[in-house]
């Protein structure tokens, strides 16, 4: 199944059952941080337990966690009145500009 970011964001809202959903950016922010940590934990275990080899089982486990990350990103964007499709497009434009200017590496949001 192929979805646009907009479709995903709308459908993610169907499962948004948390305190004051629709008016609570704090909950998805905390969830996003937690799920990103779970992705990092899965990768850490690949290094520790599997010599850095991302076998099919490890990739599948990480894919599930990335889905949770995506859900929280979609919900946080919705809570802030942002269109996830526009967020994605703006991010790609920002990165393309940095690449064109030779500023893709380094630090700082406004490079």
C-alpha atoms as a PDB file:
ATOM      1  CA  UNK A   1       0.000   0.000   0.000  1.00  0.00           C
ATOM      2  CA  UNK A   2       1.338   3.401  -0.951  1.00  0.00           C
ATOM      3  CA  UNK A   3       0.342   6.462   1.047  1.00  0.00           C
ATOM      4  CA  UNK A   4       1.170  10.119   0.771  1.00  0.00           C
ATOM      5  CA  UNK A   5       2.374  11.815   3.915  1.00  0.00           C
ATOM      6  CA  UNK A   6      -0.938  13.674   4.016  1.00  0.00           C
ATOM      7  CA  UNK A   7      -2.933  10.421   3.886  1.00  0.00           C
ATOM      8  CA  UNK A   8      -0.734   8.865   6.547  1.00  0.00           C
ATOM      9  CA  UNK A   9      -1.138  11.869   8.820  1.00  0.00           C
ATOM     10  CA  UNK A  10      -4.914  11.785   8.460  1.00  0.00           C
ATOM     11  CA  UNK A  11      -5.108   8.044   9.111  1.00  0.00           C
ATOM     12  CA  UNK A  12      -2.718   8.265  12.072  1.00  0.00           C
ATOM     13  CA  UNK A  13      -5.252  10.593  13.640  1.00  0.00           C
ATOM     14  CA  UNK A  14      -7.762   7.734  13.692  1.00  0.00           C
ATOM     15  CA  UNK A  15      -5.660   6.021  16.374  1.00  0.00           C
ATOM     16  CA  UNK A  16      -4.754   9.135  18.353  1.00  0.00           C
ATOM     17  CA  UNK A  17      -6.104   8.125  21.743  1.00  0.00           C
ATOM     18  CA  UNK A  18      -4.232  10.086  24.386  1.00  0.00           C
ATOM     19  CA  UNK A  19      -5.090  12.866  26.834  1.00  0.00           C
ATOM     20  CA  UNK A  20      -6.560  15.907  25.078  1.00  0.00           C
ATOM     21  CA  UNK A  21      -5.709  14.545  21.611  1.00  0.00           C
ATOM     22  CA  UNK A  22      -5.987  17.322  19.080  1.00  0.00           C
ATOM     23  CA  UNK A  23      -4.802  19.910  21.600  1.00  0.00           C
ATOM     24  CA  UNK A  24      -1.761  18.279  23.171  1.00  0.00           C
ATOM     25  CA  UNK A  25       1.635  18.534  21.454  1.00  0.00           C
ATOM     26  CA  UNK A  26       3.446  17.405  24.603  1.00  0.00           C
ATOM     27  CA  UNK A  27       2.231  13.795  24.469  1.00  0.00           C
ATOM     28  CA  UNK A  28       3.455  13.041  20.925  1.00  0.00           C
ATOM     29  CA  UNK A  29       6.714  14.897  21.623  1.00  0.00           C
ATOM     30  CA  UNK A  30       7.456  12.611  24.554  1.00  0.00           C
ATOM     31  CA  UNK A  31       6.362   9.571  22.551  1.00  0.00           C
ATOM     32  CA  UNK A  32       8.653  10.573  19.695  1.00  0.00           C
ATOM     33  CA  UNK A  33      11.629  10.823  22.024  1.00  0.00           C
ATOM     34  CA  UNK A  34      10.826   7.426  23.517  1.00  0.00           C
ATOM     35  CA  UNK A  35      10.406   5.700  20.178  1.00  0.00           C
ATOM     36  CA  UNK A  36      13.599   7.249  18.773  1.00  0.00           C
ATOM     37  CA  UNK A  37      15.332   5.786  21.804  1.00  0.00           C
ATOM     38  CA  UNK A  38      13.871   2.387  20.996  1.00  0.00           C
ATOM     39  CA  UNK A  39      15.298   2.605  17.454  1.00  0.00           C
ATOM     40  CA  UNK A  40      18.698   3.457  18.913  1.00  0.00           C
ATOM     41  CA  UNK A  41      18.380   0.549  21.371  1.00  0.00           C
ATOM     42  CA  UNK A  42      17.694  -1.911  18.517  1.00  0.00           C
ATOM     43  CA  UNK A  43      20.737  -0.633  16.612  1.00  0.00           C
ATOM     44  CA  UNK A  44      22.877  -0.864  19.764  1.00  0.00           C
ATOM     45  CA  UNK A  45      21.857  -4.491  20.208  1.00  0.00           C
ATOM     46  CA  UNK A  46      22.860  -5.235  16.607  1.00  0.00           C
ATOM     47  CA  UNK A  47      26.325  -3.928  17.469  1.00  0.00           C
ATOM     48  CA  UNK A  48      26.483  -5.780  20.783  1.00  0.00           C
ATOM     49  CA  UNK A  49      24.852  -9.077  19.887  1.00  0.00           C
ATOM     50  CA  UNK A  50      25.291  -9.425  16.144  1.00  0.00           C
ATOM     51  CA  UNK A  51      28.685  -7.884  15.389  1.00  0.00           C
ATOM     52  CA  UNK A  52      27.077  -4.992  13.531  1.00  0.00           C
ATOM     53  CA  UNK A  53      25.304  -7.301  11.069  1.00  0.00           C
ATOM     54  CA  UNK A  54      21.824  -6.016  10.295  1.00  0.00           C
ATOM     55  CA  UNK A  55      20.158  -9.331   9.498  1.00  0.00           C
ATOM     56  CA  UNK A  56      16.550  -9.626   8.367  1.00  0.00           C
ATOM     57  CA  UNK A  57      15.240  -9.971  11.928  1.00  0.00           C
ATOM     58  CA  UNK A  58      17.060  -6.849  13.098  1.00  0.00           C
ATOM     59  CA  UNK A  59      15.871  -4.831  10.109  1.00  0.00           C
ATOM     60  CA  UNK A  60      12.287  -5.994  10.668  1.00  0.00           C
ATOM     61  CA  UNK A  61      12.436  -4.983  14.338  1.00  0.00           C
ATOM     62  CA  UNK A  62      13.850  -1.574  13.446  1.00  0.00           C
ATOM     63  CA  UNK A  63      11.179  -1.119  10.778  1.00  0.00           C
ATOM     64  CA  UNK A  64       8.470  -1.570  13.414  1.00  0.00           C
ATOM     65  CA  UNK A  65      10.080   1.028  15.655  1.00  0.00           C
ATOM     66  CA  UNK A  66      10.487   3.442  12.733  1.00  0.00           C
ATOM     67  CA  UNK A  67       6.768   3.084  12.114  1.00  0.00           C
ATOM     68  CA  UNK A  68       6.148   4.202  15.683  1.00  0.00           C
ATOM     69  CA  UNK A  69       8.525   7.151  15.183  1.00  0.00           C
ATOM     70  CA  UNK A  70       6.604   8.110  12.042  1.00  0.00           C
ATOM     71  CA  UNK A  71       3.278   7.941  13.885  1.00  0.00           C
ATOM     72  CA  UNK A  72       4.507  10.316  16.586  1.00  0.00           C
ATOM     73  CA  UNK A  73       6.014  12.690  13.992  1.00  0.00           C
ATOM     74  CA  UNK A  74       2.667  12.729  12.179  1.00  0.00           C
ATOM     75  CA  UNK A  75       0.763  13.364  15.388  1.00  0.00           C
ATOM     76  CA  UNK A  76       3.100  16.108  16.583  1.00  0.00           C
ATOM     77  CA  UNK A  77       2.794  17.830  13.219  1.00  0.00           C
ATOM     78  CA  UNK A  78      -0.992  17.557  13.415  1.00  0.00           C
ATOM     79  CA  UNK A  79      -1.058  18.892  16.961  1.00  0.00           C
ATOM     80  CA  UNK A  80       0.874  21.948  15.746  1.00  0.00           C
ATOM     81  CA  UNK A  81      -1.344  22.433  12.698  1.00  0.00           C
ATOM     82  CA  UNK A  82       1.410  21.382  10.298  1.00  0.00           C
ATOM     83  CA  UNK A  83       0.908  19.372   7.138  1.00  0.00           C
ATOM     84  CA  UNK A  84       3.386  16.468   7.198  1.00  0.00           C
ATOM     85  CA  UNK A  85       3.667  16.541   3.404  1.00  0.00           C
ATOM     86  CA  UNK A  86       4.768  20.183   3.579  1.00  0.00           C
ATOM     87  CA  UNK A  87       7.189  19.413   6.417  1.00  0.00           C
ATOM     88  CA  UNK A  88       8.789  16.712   4.243  1.00  0.00           C
ATOM     89  CA  UNK A  89       8.938  18.946   1.149  1.00  0.00           C
ATOM     90  CA  UNK A  90      10.436  21.843   3.115  1.00  0.00           C
ATOM     91  CA  UNK A  91      13.064  19.542   4.616  1.00  0.00           C
ATOM     92  CA  UNK A  92      14.134  18.230   1.197  1.00  0.00           C
ATOM     93  CA  UNK A  93      14.336  21.790  -0.148  1.00  0.00           C
ATOM     94  CA  UNK A  94      16.469  22.854   2.826  1.00  0.00           C
ATOM     95  CA  UNK A  95      18.846  19.920   2.315  1.00  0.00           C
ATOM     96  CA  UNK A  96      19.065  20.518  -1.456  1.00  0.00           C
ATOM     97  CA  UNK A  97      19.961  24.163  -0.787  1.00  0.00           C
ATOM     98  CA  UNK A  98      22.671  23.129   1.659  1.00  0.00           C
ATOM     99  CA  UNK A  99      24.064  20.645  -0.837  1.00  0.00           C
ATOM    100  CA  UNK A 100      24.082  23.245  -3.629  1.00  0.00           C
ATOM    101  CA  UNK A 101      25.938  25.685  -1.356  1.00  0.00           C
ATOM    102  CA  UNK A 102      28.408  23.035  -0.142  1.00  0.00           C
ATOM    103  CA  UNK A 103      26.997  23.322   3.394  1.00  0.00           C
ATOM    104  CA  UNK A 104      25.525  19.829   3.803  1.00  0.00           C
ATOM    105  CA  UNK A 105      28.006  19.011   6.584  1.00  0.00           C
ATOM    106  CA  UNK A 106      28.809  21.096   9.595  1.00  0.00           C
ATOM    107  CA  UNK A 107      26.484  22.324  12.295  1.00  0.00           C
ATOM    108  CA  UNK A 108      23.840  24.951  12.794  1.00  0.00           C
ATOM    109  CA  UNK A 109      20.254  25.143  11.625  1.00  0.00           C
ATOM    110  CA  UNK A 110      20.794  28.185   9.393  1.00  0.00           C
ATOM    111  CA  UNK A 111      23.789  27.020   7.343  1.00  0.00           C
END
